[in-house]
């Protein structure tokens, strides 16, 4: 009897020794794998990057701090395998920046925000109504120019983009093709400083006219339909790099637009995760997490607003991530579970 009990005990211990690693492997399918992420240079994309990084860590991956890279450098780096992924792909907006061998070496996965990469021009709602502003063409009218001329140079001041940004090239294209150079002055200083000035003007009752994109804190602070309105370009005249996605420059159902559809003049993009193909082939758990991960646009806007208000250190962002996961635990756990099942 004693021998039987000892045999049973050893059998149980042996079976647990087999099961325990299996459970560990299931919960941490990325254990032992070092991951090299990248991150866009615009801080409105930091939140989703930090969330995905946290997800991979919970799957057992050893995820390094992200490298901040300009778009073309990232896309070249991910095809070379120097970095493994980023969460900041805007498509089709970034298509023209992809290297020729991109589709062989890298791929686009899931939708962080589908049709969330909105860009365009906004004007204070009360001034849209006061002056009947519908498009950029209305800024050729003397009374509109006068109302929006903050610098006294005889042109309407537009809070635009700093030199080197992709949006700066599109705005310059608009100034040229719509013959607006004599009427509109795009202010190209620091975007954050320019928008802080615009927000101050709005609060003091002055007209505001600015370019922005979503997700962004700007449309959380100045809400389309309530505070500001999206306005049209006069007609769709795409740049060469926009022609392939010309149909996505006109958008229906935009909240707070002066018309439906809205001729935005910018390509509305899907925000997607981009990863090296060799990396995802070897890491099905990571691939599945990339595919299922998605965020409500308003959640990103809300977090971006916290950053604008001063909570922008890496510790702040990590706290925002922890708060979001806590509030969305069921969804978060379902993503992790799907990733673990994909690795079985």
C-alpha atoms as a PDB file:
ATOM      1  CA  UNK A   1       0.000   0.000   0.000  1.00  0.00           C
ATOM      2  CA  UNK A   2       2.844   2.373   0.955  1.00  0.00           C
ATOM      3  CA  UNK A   3       4.588   1.577  -2.337  1.00  0.00           C
ATOM      4  CA  UNK A   4       1.360   2.274  -4.254  1.00  0.00           C
ATOM      5  CA  UNK A   5       0.980   5.658  -2.567  1.00  0.00           C
ATOM      6  CA  UNK A   6       4.566   6.608  -3.345  1.00  0.00           C
ATOM      7  CA  UNK A   7       4.132   5.549  -6.958  1.00  0.00           C
ATOM      8  CA  UNK A   8       0.936   7.632  -7.195  1.00  0.00           C
ATOM      9  CA  UNK A   9       2.687  10.638  -5.651  1.00  0.00           C
ATOM     10  CA  UNK A  10       5.618  10.443  -8.062  1.00  0.00           C
ATOM     11  CA  UNK A  11       3.206  10.076 -10.984  1.00  0.00           C
ATOM     12  CA  UNK A  12       1.294  13.189  -9.873  1.00  0.00           C
ATOM     13  CA  UNK A  13       4.510  15.198  -9.454  1.00  0.00           C
ATOM     14  CA  UNK A  14       5.702  14.107 -12.880  1.00  0.00           C
ATOM     15  CA  UNK A  15       2.391  15.071 -14.494  1.00  0.00           C
ATOM     16  CA  UNK A  16       2.476  18.488 -12.836  1.00  0.00           C
ATOM     17  CA  UNK A  17       6.023  18.984 -14.082  1.00  0.00           C
ATOM     18  CA  UNK A  18       4.722  18.434 -17.613  1.00  0.00           C
ATOM     19  CA  UNK A  19       1.597  20.599 -17.203  1.00  0.00           C
ATOM     20  CA  UNK A  20       3.310  23.568 -15.527  1.00  0.00           C
ATOM     21  CA  UNK A  21       5.620  24.399 -18.461  1.00  0.00           C
ATOM     22  CA  UNK A  22       2.679  23.920 -20.820  1.00  0.00           C
ATOM     23  CA  UNK A  23       0.637  26.473 -18.842  1.00  0.00           C
ATOM     24  CA  UNK A  24       3.608  28.827 -18.725  1.00  0.00           C
ATOM     25  CA  UNK A  25       4.085  28.481 -22.473  1.00  0.00           C
ATOM     26  CA  UNK A  26       0.401  29.191 -23.092  1.00  0.00           C
ATOM     27  CA  UNK A  27       0.376  32.369 -21.004  1.00  0.00           C
ATOM     28  CA  UNK A  28       3.779  33.602 -22.201  1.00  0.00           C
ATOM     29  CA  UNK A  29       4.164  32.463 -25.828  1.00  0.00           C
ATOM     30  CA  UNK A  30       6.688  35.236 -26.482  1.00  0.00           C
ATOM     31  CA  UNK A  31       9.044  34.235 -23.684  1.00  0.00           C
ATOM     32  CA  UNK A  32      12.698  34.493 -24.735  1.00  0.00           C
ATOM     33  CA  UNK A  33      11.974  36.645 -27.813  1.00  0.00           C
ATOM     34  CA  UNK A  34      13.492  40.133 -27.954  1.00  0.00           C
ATOM     35  CA  UNK A  35      11.313  42.646 -29.838  1.00  0.00           C
ATOM     36  CA  UNK A  36      12.537  45.928 -31.355  1.00  0.00           C
ATOM     37  CA  UNK A  37       9.649  48.386 -31.840  1.00  0.00           C
ATOM     38  CA  UNK A  38       9.695  51.792 -33.493  1.00  0.00           C
ATOM     39  CA  UNK A  39       7.520  54.819 -32.836  1.00  0.00           C
ATOM     40  CA  UNK A  40       6.442  57.805 -34.926  1.00  0.00           C
ATOM     41  CA  UNK A  41       7.842  61.226 -34.142  1.00  0.00           C
ATOM     42  CA  UNK A  42       4.381  62.760 -33.526  1.00  0.00           C
ATOM     43  CA  UNK A  43       3.300  62.321 -29.909  1.00  0.00           C
ATOM     44  CA  UNK A  44      -0.381  61.789 -30.778  1.00  0.00           C
ATOM     45  CA  UNK A  45       0.678  58.247 -31.719  1.00  0.00           C
ATOM     46  CA  UNK A  46       2.523  57.450 -28.482  1.00  0.00           C
ATOM     47  CA  UNK A  47      -0.521  56.074 -26.619  1.00  0.00           C
ATOM     48  CA  UNK A  48      -1.345  53.266 -29.030  1.00  0.00           C
ATOM     49  CA  UNK A  49       2.356  52.375 -29.270  1.00  0.00           C
ATOM     50  CA  UNK A  50       2.581  52.029 -25.487  1.00  0.00           C
ATOM     51  CA  UNK A  51      -0.595  49.919 -25.343  1.00  0.00           C
ATOM     52  CA  UNK A  52       0.651  47.451 -27.958  1.00  0.00           C
ATOM     53  CA  UNK A  53       4.045  47.262 -26.264  1.00  0.00           C
ATOM     54  CA  UNK A  54       2.323  46.439 -22.963  1.00  0.00           C
ATOM     55  CA  UNK A  55       0.259  43.747 -24.664  1.00  0.00           C
ATOM     56  CA  UNK A  56       3.368  42.073 -26.068  1.00  0.00           C
ATOM     57  CA  UNK A  57       5.039  42.227 -22.649  1.00  0.00           C
ATOM     58  CA  UNK A  58       2.060  40.456 -21.084  1.00  0.00           C
ATOM     59  CA  UNK A  59       2.484  37.776 -23.744  1.00  0.00           C
ATOM     60  CA  UNK A  60       6.029  37.241 -22.482  1.00  0.00           C
ATOM     61  CA  UNK A  61       8.006  39.173 -25.094  1.00  0.00           C
ATOM     62  CA  UNK A  62      11.099  41.143 -24.064  1.00  0.00           C
ATOM     63  CA  UNK A  63      10.070  44.423 -25.711  1.00  0.00           C
ATOM     64  CA  UNK A  64      12.747  47.101 -25.890  1.00  0.00           C
ATOM     65  CA  UNK A  65      12.122  50.850 -25.714  1.00  0.00           C
ATOM     66  CA  UNK A  66      10.883  52.135 -29.083  1.00  0.00           C
ATOM     67  CA  UNK A  67      13.078  54.010 -31.555  1.00  0.00           C
ATOM     68  CA  UNK A  68      11.544  57.316 -32.688  1.00  0.00           C
ATOM     69  CA  UNK A  69      11.815  57.319 -36.477  1.00  0.00           C
ATOM     70  CA  UNK A  70      10.673  59.481 -39.383  1.00  0.00           C
ATOM     71  CA  UNK A  71       8.254  57.652 -41.686  1.00  0.00           C
ATOM     72  CA  UNK A  72      10.577  56.819 -44.626  1.00  0.00           C
ATOM     73  CA  UNK A  73      13.348  55.688 -42.266  1.00  0.00           C
ATOM     74  CA  UNK A  74      10.978  53.382 -40.396  1.00  0.00           C
ATOM     75  CA  UNK A  75       9.618  51.761 -43.556  1.00  0.00           C
ATOM     76  CA  UNK A  76      13.131  51.083 -44.810  1.00  0.00           C
ATOM     77  CA  UNK A  77      14.225  49.828 -41.371  1.00  0.00           C
ATOM     78  CA  UNK A  78      11.301  47.418 -40.991  1.00  0.00           C
ATOM     79  CA  UNK A  79      12.001  45.849 -44.394  1.00  0.00           C
ATOM     80  CA  UNK A  80      15.636  45.363 -43.383  1.00  0.00           C
ATOM     81  CA  UNK A  81      14.605  43.840 -40.041  1.00  0.00           C
ATOM     82  CA  UNK A  82      16.406  46.520 -38.039  1.00  0.00           C
ATOM     83  CA  UNK A  83      13.088  47.106 -36.229  1.00  0.00           C
ATOM     84  CA  UNK A  84      10.171  44.688 -35.921  1.00  0.00           C
ATOM     85  CA  UNK A  85       7.017  46.843 -36.001  1.00  0.00           C
ATOM     86  CA  UNK A  86       5.271  50.132 -35.261  1.00  0.00           C
ATOM     87  CA  UNK A  87       1.644  51.092 -34.637  1.00  0.00           C
ATOM     88  CA  UNK A  88       1.719  54.328 -36.651  1.00  0.00           C
ATOM     89  CA  UNK A  89       1.099  53.371 -40.271  1.00  0.00           C
ATOM     90  CA  UNK A  90      -1.319  55.725 -42.072  1.00  0.00           C
ATOM     91  CA  UNK A  91      -2.651  54.218 -45.294  1.00  0.00           C
ATOM     92  CA  UNK A  92      -3.010  55.079 -48.055  1.00  0.00           C
ATOM     93  CA  UNK A  93      -1.349  58.312 -46.862  1.00  0.00           C
ATOM     94  CA  UNK A  94       2.027  56.602 -46.310  1.00  0.00           C
ATOM     95  CA  UNK A  95       1.932  54.431 -49.438  1.00  0.00           C
ATOM     96  CA  UNK A  96       4.154  56.823 -51.385  1.00  0.00           C
ATOM     97  CA  UNK A  97       6.838  56.502 -48.666  1.00  0.00           C
ATOM     98  CA  UNK A  98       7.147  52.714 -48.854  1.00  0.00           C
ATOM     99  CA  UNK A  99      10.312  51.201 -50.372  1.00  0.00           C
ATOM    100  CA  UNK A 100       9.916  49.106 -53.513  1.00  0.00           C
ATOM    101  CA  UNK A 101      10.408  45.803 -51.691  1.00  0.00           C
ATOM    102  CA  UNK A 102       7.977  46.635 -48.874  1.00  0.00           C
ATOM    103  CA  UNK A 103       5.335  44.006 -49.733  1.00  0.00           C
ATOM    104  CA  UNK A 104       7.981  41.262 -49.858  1.00  0.00           C
ATOM    105  CA  UNK A 105       9.503  42.112 -46.493  1.00  0.00           C
ATOM    106  CA  UNK A 106       6.745  43.735 -44.410  1.00  0.00           C
ATOM    107  CA  UNK A 107       2.981  43.797 -43.997  1.00  0.00           C
ATOM    108  CA  UNK A 108       0.057  45.830 -42.636  1.00  0.00           C
ATOM    109  CA  UNK A 109      -1.901  44.241 -39.793  1.00  0.00           C
ATOM    110  CA  UNK A 110      -5.272  45.023 -38.215  1.00  0.00           C
ATOM    111  CA  UNK A 111      -6.789  48.476 -37.805  1.00  0.00           C
ATOM    112  CA  UNK A 112      -5.806  50.645 -34.852  1.00  0.00           C
ATOM    113  CA  UNK A 113      -8.493  53.015 -36.164  1.00  0.00           C
ATOM    114  CA  UNK A 114     -10.297  52.322 -39.437  1.00  0.00           C
ATOM    115  CA  UNK A 115     -10.856  55.532 -41.430  1.00  0.00           C
ATOM    116  CA  UNK A 116      -9.614  57.376 -38.337  1.00  0.00           C
ATOM    117  CA  UNK A 117      -6.793  59.329 -39.940  1.00  0.00           C
ATOM    118  CA  UNK A 118      -8.880  62.380 -40.807  1.00  0.00           C
ATOM    119  CA  UNK A 119      -7.169  65.621 -41.874  1.00  0.00           C
ATOM    120  CA  UNK A 120      -8.482  68.987 -42.926  1.00  0.00           C
ATOM    121  CA  UNK A 121      -9.292  72.612 -42.160  1.00  0.00           C
ATOM    122  CA  UNK A 122     -11.499  73.865 -39.328  1.00  0.00           C
ATOM    123  CA  UNK A 123     -12.997  77.283 -38.600  1.00  0.00           C
ATOM    124  CA  UNK A 124     -14.742  78.629 -35.493  1.00  0.00           C
ATOM    125  CA  UNK A 125     -18.431  77.768 -35.838  1.00  0.00           C
ATOM    126  CA  UNK A 126     -19.758  81.230 -35.008  1.00  0.00           C
ATOM    127  CA  UNK A 127     -17.624  82.699 -37.809  1.00  0.00           C
ATOM    128  CA  UNK A 128     -18.666  80.000 -40.268  1.00  0.00           C
ATOM    129  CA  UNK A 129     -22.239  81.084 -39.579  1.00  0.00           C
ATOM    130  CA  UNK A 130     -21.487  84.813 -39.493  1.00  0.00           C
ATOM    131  CA  UNK A 131     -19.637  84.873 -42.824  1.00  0.00           C
ATOM    132  CA  UNK A 132     -21.259  81.877 -44.547  1.00  0.00           C
ATOM    133  CA  UNK A 133     -17.921  80.074 -44.890  1.00  0.00           C
ATOM    134  CA  UNK A 134     -18.120  76.830 -46.842  1.00  0.00           C
ATOM    135  CA  UNK A 135     -14.640  76.385 -48.341  1.00  0.00           C
ATOM    136  CA  UNK A 136     -11.129  77.808 -48.571  1.00  0.00           C
ATOM    137  CA  UNK A 137     -12.371  80.000 -51.433  1.00  0.00           C
ATOM    138  CA  UNK A 138     -14.287  82.104 -48.900  1.00  0.00           C
ATOM    139  CA  UNK A 139     -10.958  83.316 -47.546  1.00  0.00           C
ATOM    140  CA  UNK A 140     -10.551  85.379 -50.704  1.00  0.00           C
ATOM    141  CA  UNK A 141     -13.369  87.661 -49.506  1.00  0.00           C
ATOM    142  CA  UNK A 142     -12.120  90.959 -47.934  1.00  0.00           C
ATOM    143  CA  UNK A 143     -14.396  90.779 -44.885  1.00  0.00           C
ATOM    144  CA  UNK A 144     -13.255  87.214 -44.115  1.00  0.00           C
ATOM    145  CA  UNK A 145      -9.568  88.099 -44.569  1.00  0.00           C
ATOM    146  CA  UNK A 146      -9.964  91.050 -42.205  1.00  0.00           C
ATOM    147  CA  UNK A 147     -11.629  88.930 -39.515  1.00  0.00           C
ATOM    148  CA  UNK A 148      -8.896  86.275 -39.589  1.00  0.00           C
ATOM    149  CA  UNK A 149      -5.863  88.580 -40.027  1.00  0.00           C
ATOM    150  CA  UNK A 150      -4.149  88.337 -36.630  1.00  0.00           C
ATOM    151  CA  UNK A 151      -0.763  89.660 -37.767  1.00  0.00           C
ATOM    152  CA  UNK A 152      -1.949  92.670 -39.774  1.00  0.00           C
ATOM    153  CA  UNK A 153      -0.305  91.561 -43.027  1.00  0.00           C
ATOM    154  CA  UNK A 154      -3.496  91.676 -45.098  1.00  0.00           C
ATOM    155  CA  UNK A 155      -3.924  87.881 -45.167  1.00  0.00           C
ATOM    156  CA  UNK A 156      -6.049  85.440 -43.185  1.00  0.00           C
ATOM    157  CA  UNK A 157      -3.818  83.564 -40.733  1.00  0.00           C
ATOM    158  CA  UNK A 158      -3.971  79.766 -40.863  1.00  0.00           C
ATOM    159  CA  UNK A 159      -2.398  77.648 -38.130  1.00  0.00           C
ATOM    160  CA  UNK A 160      -0.623  75.192 -40.419  1.00  0.00           C
ATOM    161  CA  UNK A 161       2.231  72.657 -40.219  1.00  0.00           C
ATOM    162  CA  UNK A 162       5.973  73.046 -39.554  1.00  0.00           C
ATOM    163  CA  UNK A 163       8.388  72.628 -42.481  1.00  0.00           C
ATOM    164  CA  UNK A 164       9.114  69.006 -43.345  1.00  0.00           C
ATOM    165  CA  UNK A 165       5.759  67.598 -42.248  1.00  0.00           C
ATOM    166  CA  UNK A 166       3.720  65.793 -44.887  1.00  0.00           C
ATOM    167  CA  UNK A 167       0.753  68.073 -44.239  1.00  0.00           C
ATOM    168  CA  UNK A 168       2.907  71.128 -44.974  1.00  0.00           C
ATOM    169  CA  UNK A 169       3.439  69.832 -48.524  1.00  0.00           C
ATOM    170  CA  UNK A 170      -0.301  69.325 -49.035  1.00  0.00           C
ATOM    171  CA  UNK A 171      -1.161  72.768 -47.626  1.00  0.00           C
ATOM    172  CA  UNK A 172       1.443  74.355 -49.937  1.00  0.00           C
ATOM    173  CA  UNK A 173      -0.159  72.455 -52.823  1.00  0.00           C
ATOM    174  CA  UNK A 174      -3.573  73.845 -51.841  1.00  0.00           C
ATOM    175  CA  UNK A 175      -2.256  77.415 -51.637  1.00  0.00           C
ATOM    176  CA  UNK A 176      -0.971  77.035 -55.185  1.00  0.00           C
ATOM    177  CA  UNK A 177      -3.744  75.153 -57.013  1.00  0.00           C
ATOM    178  CA  UNK A 178      -6.582  77.181 -55.439  1.00  0.00           C
ATOM    179  CA  UNK A 179      -4.735  80.505 -55.949  1.00  0.00           C
ATOM    180  CA  UNK A 180      -4.746  81.306 -52.242  1.00  0.00           C
ATOM    181  CA  UNK A 181      -1.208  82.603 -51.708  1.00  0.00           C
ATOM    182  CA  UNK A 182      -2.364  86.230 -51.824  1.00  0.00           C
ATOM    183  CA  UNK A 183      -5.146  85.632 -49.319  1.00  0.00           C
ATOM    184  CA  UNK A 184      -3.994  83.083 -46.727  1.00  0.00           C
ATOM    185  CA  UNK A 185      -0.866  83.115 -44.559  1.00  0.00           C
ATOM    186  CA  UNK A 186       0.012  79.564 -43.385  1.00  0.00           C
ATOM    187  CA  UNK A 187       1.814  79.908 -40.041  1.00  0.00           C
ATOM    188  CA  UNK A 188       4.504  77.211 -39.992  1.00  0.00           C
ATOM    189  CA  UNK A 189       5.926  77.595 -36.496  1.00  0.00           C
ATOM    190  CA  UNK A 190       5.685  74.858 -33.863  1.00  0.00           C
ATOM    191  CA  UNK A 191       2.275  73.232 -34.319  1.00  0.00           C
ATOM    192  CA  UNK A 192       1.701  72.808 -30.598  1.00  0.00           C
ATOM    193  CA  UNK A 193       2.515  76.479 -29.948  1.00  0.00           C
ATOM    194  CA  UNK A 194       0.338  77.567 -32.880  1.00  0.00           C
ATOM    195  CA  UNK A 195      -2.627  75.551 -31.668  1.00  0.00           C
ATOM    196  CA  UNK A 196      -2.165  76.797 -28.097  1.00  0.00           C
ATOM    197  CA  UNK A 197      -2.404  80.330 -29.496  1.00  0.00           C
ATOM    198  CA  UNK A 198      -5.499  79.399 -31.539  1.00  0.00           C
ATOM    199  CA  UNK A 199      -7.143  77.862 -28.474  1.00  0.00           C
ATOM    200  CA  UNK A 200      -6.435  81.051 -26.512  1.00  0.00           C
ATOM    201  CA  UNK A 201      -7.963  83.136 -29.297  1.00  0.00           C
ATOM    202  CA  UNK A 202     -11.052  80.931 -29.366  1.00  0.00           C
ATOM    203  CA  UNK A 203     -11.542  81.253 -25.608  1.00  0.00           C
ATOM    204  CA  UNK A 204     -11.346  85.036 -25.907  1.00  0.00           C
ATOM    205  CA  UNK A 205     -13.983  85.031 -28.663  1.00  0.00           C
ATOM    206  CA  UNK A 206     -11.678  85.620 -31.648  1.00  0.00           C
ATOM    207  CA  UNK A 207     -12.021  83.769 -34.975  1.00  0.00           C
ATOM    208  CA  UNK A 208      -9.835  80.695 -35.463  1.00  0.00           C
ATOM    209  CA  UNK A 209      -8.744  78.920 -38.654  1.00  0.00           C
ATOM    210  CA  UNK A 210      -6.481  75.882 -38.430  1.00  0.00           C
ATOM    211  CA  UNK A 211      -5.390  72.613 -39.974  1.00  0.00           C
ATOM    212  CA  UNK A 212      -5.558  69.466 -37.854  1.00  0.00           C
ATOM    213  CA  UNK A 213      -5.734  65.709 -38.001  1.00  0.00           C
ATOM    214  CA  UNK A 214      -7.395  62.969 -35.994  1.00  0.00           C
ATOM    215  CA  UNK A 215      -6.611  61.495 -33.567  1.00  0.00           C
ATOM    216  CA  UNK A 216      -5.524  64.688 -31.864  1.00  0.00           C
ATOM    217  CA  UNK A 217      -6.226  66.713 -28.724  1.00  0.00           C
ATOM    218  CA  UNK A 218      -7.334  69.651 -30.883  1.00  0.00           C
ATOM    219  CA  UNK A 219     -10.720  68.171 -31.740  1.00  0.00           C
ATOM    220  CA  UNK A 220     -11.218  67.111 -28.135  1.00  0.00           C
ATOM    221  CA  UNK A 221     -10.704  70.676 -26.933  1.00  0.00           C
ATOM    222  CA  UNK A 222     -12.426  72.332 -29.924  1.00  0.00           C
ATOM    223  CA  UNK A 223     -15.276  69.994 -30.762  1.00  0.00           C
ATOM    224  CA  UNK A 224     -16.457  69.846 -34.398  1.00  0.00           C
ATOM    225  CA  UNK A 225     -20.133  70.783 -34.633  1.00  0.00           C
ATOM    226  CA  UNK A 226     -20.086  72.633 -31.330  1.00  0.00           C
ATOM    227  CA  UNK A 227     -17.027  74.905 -31.354  1.00  0.00           C
ATOM    228  CA  UNK A 228     -15.621  74.569 -34.866  1.00  0.00           C
ATOM    229  CA  UNK A 229     -16.623  73.242 -38.300  1.00  0.00           C
ATOM    230  CA  UNK A 230     -14.731  71.241 -40.915  1.00  0.00           C
ATOM    231  CA  UNK A 231     -14.718  73.220 -44.204  1.00  0.00           C
ATOM    232  CA  UNK A 232     -14.239  72.131 -47.828  1.00  0.00           C
ATOM    233  CA  UNK A 233     -11.494  72.671 -50.328  1.00  0.00           C
ATOM    234  CA  UNK A 234     -13.009  74.324 -53.461  1.00  0.00           C
ATOM    235  CA  UNK A 235     -12.658  71.122 -55.494  1.00  0.00           C
ATOM    236  CA  UNK A 236     -10.589  67.970 -55.304  1.00  0.00           C
ATOM    237  CA  UNK A 237      -7.220  68.503 -57.022  1.00  0.00           C
ATOM    238  CA  UNK A 238      -4.904  65.781 -55.707  1.00  0.00           C
ATOM    239  CA  UNK A 239      -1.139  65.857 -55.569  1.00  0.00           C
ATOM    240  CA  UNK A 240       0.549  63.129 -57.601  1.00  0.00           C
ATOM    241  CA  UNK A 241       1.046  61.115 -54.398  1.00  0.00           C
ATOM    242  CA  UNK A 242      -2.684  61.388 -53.567  1.00  0.00           C
ATOM    243  CA  UNK A 243      -4.113  60.351 -56.947  1.00  0.00           C
ATOM    244  CA  UNK A 244      -4.295  56.634 -56.180  1.00  0.00           C
ATOM    245  CA  UNK A 245      -6.577  57.422 -53.222  1.00  0.00           C
ATOM    246  CA  UNK A 246      -8.467  60.369 -54.705  1.00  0.00           C
ATOM    247  CA  UNK A 247     -11.857  58.906 -53.751  1.00  0.00           C
ATOM    248  CA  UNK A 248     -10.823  59.018 -50.068  1.00  0.00           C
ATOM    249  CA  UNK A 249     -10.351  62.795 -50.195  1.00  0.00           C
ATOM    250  CA  UNK A 250     -14.141  63.248 -50.098  1.00  0.00           C
ATOM    251  CA  UNK A 251     -15.768  61.928 -46.931  1.00  0.00           C
ATOM    252  CA  UNK A 252     -19.394  61.315 -45.954  1.00  0.00           C
ATOM    253  CA  UNK A 253     -20.830  61.431 -42.457  1.00  0.00           C
ATOM    254  CA  UNK A 254     -18.216  63.725 -40.906  1.00  0.00           C
ATOM    255  CA  UNK A 255     -19.534  65.182 -37.655  1.00  0.00           C
ATOM    256  CA  UNK A 256     -19.317  68.962 -37.615  1.00  0.00           C
ATOM    257  CA  UNK A 257     -18.742  69.407 -41.369  1.00  0.00           C
ATOM    258  CA  UNK A 258     -20.271  72.316 -43.298  1.00  0.00           C
ATOM    259  CA  UNK A 259     -21.519  69.860 -45.943  1.00  0.00           C
ATOM    260  CA  UNK A 260     -22.121  66.165 -46.455  1.00  0.00           C
ATOM    261  CA  UNK A 261     -20.042  64.856 -48.091  1.00  0.00           C
ATOM    262  CA  UNK A 262     -17.045  66.980 -47.149  1.00  0.00           C
ATOM    263  CA  UNK A 263     -14.324  67.711 -49.686  1.00  0.00           C
ATOM    264  CA  UNK A 264     -11.483  67.410 -47.169  1.00  0.00           C
ATOM    265  CA  UNK A 265      -8.629  67.756 -49.661  1.00  0.00           C
ATOM    266  CA  UNK A 266      -6.578  65.243 -47.646  1.00  0.00           C
ATOM    267  CA  UNK A 267      -6.682  61.469 -47.906  1.00  0.00           C
ATOM    268  CA  UNK A 268      -8.622  59.888 -45.036  1.00  0.00           C
ATOM    269  CA  UNK A 269      -6.401  57.071 -43.810  1.00  0.00           C
ATOM    270  CA  UNK A 270      -6.645  53.833 -41.877  1.00  0.00           C
ATOM    271  CA  UNK A 271      -4.198  53.713 -38.952  1.00  0.00           C
ATOM    272  CA  UNK A 272      -2.556  50.283 -39.012  1.00  0.00           C
ATOM    273  CA  UNK A 273       0.283  48.312 -37.452  1.00  0.00           C
ATOM    274  CA  UNK A 274       3.206  47.591 -39.772  1.00  0.00           C
ATOM    275  CA  UNK A 275       5.560  44.691 -39.034  1.00  0.00           C
ATOM    276  CA  UNK A 276       8.414  42.741 -40.542  1.00  0.00           C
ATOM    277  CA  UNK A 277       7.091  39.528 -42.150  1.00  0.00           C
ATOM    278  CA  UNK A 278       9.818  37.291 -40.766  1.00  0.00           C
ATOM    279  CA  UNK A 279       9.001  38.549 -37.281  1.00  0.00           C
ATOM    280  CA  UNK A 280       5.258  37.831 -37.536  1.00  0.00           C
ATOM    281  CA  UNK A 281       5.837  34.450 -39.211  1.00  0.00           C
ATOM    282  CA  UNK A 282       7.926  33.381 -36.224  1.00  0.00           C
ATOM    283  CA  UNK A 283       5.564  34.992 -33.704  1.00  0.00           C
ATOM    284  CA  UNK A 284       1.911  34.136 -34.385  1.00  0.00           C
ATOM    285  CA  UNK A 285       0.891  35.461 -30.953  1.00  0.00           C
ATOM    286  CA  UNK A 286       2.266  38.907 -31.809  1.00  0.00           C
ATOM    287  CA  UNK A 287       0.642  38.810 -35.242  1.00  0.00           C
ATOM    288  CA  UNK A 288      -2.745  37.959 -33.755  1.00  0.00           C
ATOM    289  CA  UNK A 289      -2.460  40.735 -31.176  1.00  0.00           C
ATOM    290  CA  UNK A 290      -1.663  43.189 -33.998  1.00  0.00           C
ATOM    291  CA  UNK A 291      -4.730  41.991 -35.904  1.00  0.00           C
ATOM    292  CA  UNK A 292      -7.242  42.292 -33.056  1.00  0.00           C
ATOM    293  CA  UNK A 293      -5.937  45.463 -31.387  1.00  0.00           C
ATOM    294  CA  UNK A 294      -8.165  48.505 -32.036  1.00  0.00           C
ATOM    295  CA  UNK A 295      -8.975  51.756 -30.249  1.00  0.00           C
ATOM    296  CA  UNK A 296     -11.965  54.124 -30.240  1.00  0.00           C
ATOM    297  CA  UNK A 297     -10.881  57.413 -31.777  1.00  0.00           C
ATOM    298  CA  UNK A 298     -12.330  59.342 -28.862  1.00  0.00           C
ATOM    299  CA  UNK A 299     -10.146  57.408 -26.392  1.00  0.00           C
ATOM    300  CA  UNK A 300      -7.030  58.472 -28.300  1.00  0.00           C
ATOM    301  CA  UNK A 301      -8.250  62.076 -28.479  1.00  0.00           C
ATOM    302  CA  UNK A 302      -8.908  62.075 -24.726  1.00  0.00           C
ATOM    303  CA  UNK A 303      -5.428  60.723 -23.930  1.00  0.00           C
ATOM    304  CA  UNK A 304      -3.833  63.199 -26.351  1.00  0.00           C
ATOM    305  CA  UNK A 305      -5.605  65.972 -24.443  1.00  0.00           C
ATOM    306  CA  UNK A 306      -4.046  64.783 -21.171  1.00  0.00           C
ATOM    307  CA  UNK A 307      -0.646  64.990 -22.866  1.00  0.00           C
ATOM    308  CA  UNK A 308      -1.380  68.479 -24.157  1.00  0.00           C
ATOM    309  CA  UNK A 309      -2.309  69.523 -20.622  1.00  0.00           C
ATOM    310  CA  UNK A 310       1.113  68.441 -19.342  1.00  0.00           C
ATOM    311  CA  UNK A 311       0.864  64.697 -18.696  1.00  0.00           C
ATOM    312  CA  UNK A 312       3.358  63.744 -21.390  1.00  0.00           C
ATOM    313  CA  UNK A 313       6.263  62.006 -19.660  1.00  0.00           C
ATOM    314  CA  UNK A 314       6.809  58.311 -20.320  1.00  0.00           C
ATOM    315  CA  UNK A 315       5.539  57.590 -16.786  1.00  0.00           C
ATOM    316  CA  UNK A 316       2.375  59.583 -17.538  1.00  0.00           C
ATOM    317  CA  UNK A 317       1.792  57.629 -20.746  1.00  0.00           C
ATOM    318  CA  UNK A 318       2.334  54.321 -18.937  1.00  0.00           C
ATOM    319  CA  UNK A 319      -0.219  55.408 -16.316  1.00  0.00           C
ATOM    320  CA  UNK A 320      -2.696  56.265 -19.093  1.00  0.00           C
ATOM    321  CA  UNK A 321      -2.114  52.787 -20.516  1.00  0.00           C
ATOM    322  CA  UNK A 322      -2.743  51.137 -17.142  1.00  0.00           C
ATOM    323  CA  UNK A 323      -5.920  53.195 -16.665  1.00  0.00           C
ATOM    324  CA  UNK A 324      -7.216  52.279 -20.131  1.00  0.00           C
ATOM    325  CA  UNK A 325      -6.539  48.573 -19.581  1.00  0.00           C
ATOM    326  CA  UNK A 326      -8.275  48.692 -16.196  1.00  0.00           C
ATOM    327  CA  UNK A 327     -11.372  50.294 -17.743  1.00  0.00           C
ATOM    328  CA  UNK A 328     -11.394  47.876 -20.685  1.00  0.00           C
ATOM    329  CA  UNK A 329     -10.223  44.689 -18.956  1.00  0.00           C
ATOM    330  CA  UNK A 330     -12.661  42.334 -20.661  1.00  0.00           C
ATOM    331  CA  UNK A 331     -11.659  43.532 -24.131  1.00  0.00           C
ATOM    332  CA  UNK A 332      -7.958  43.533 -23.242  1.00  0.00           C
ATOM    333  CA  UNK A 333      -8.067  39.990 -21.874  1.00  0.00           C
ATOM    334  CA  UNK A 334      -9.921  38.791 -24.985  1.00  0.00           C
ATOM    335  CA  UNK A 335      -7.095  40.138 -27.178  1.00  0.00           C
ATOM    336  CA  UNK A 336      -4.456  38.388 -25.074  1.00  0.00           C
ATOM    337  CA  UNK A 337      -6.444  35.156 -25.117  1.00  0.00           C
ATOM    338  CA  UNK A 338      -6.800  35.291 -28.906  1.00  0.00           C
ATOM    339  CA  UNK A 339      -3.040  35.859 -29.229  1.00  0.00           C
ATOM    340  CA  UNK A 340      -2.257  32.923 -26.928  1.00  0.00           C
ATOM    341  CA  UNK A 341      -4.583  30.597 -28.849  1.00  0.00           C
ATOM    342  CA  UNK A 342      -2.891  31.615 -32.116  1.00  0.00           C
ATOM    343  CA  UNK A 343       0.451  30.438 -30.734  1.00  0.00           C
ATOM    344  CA  UNK A 344      -0.778  26.923 -29.774  1.00  0.00           C
END
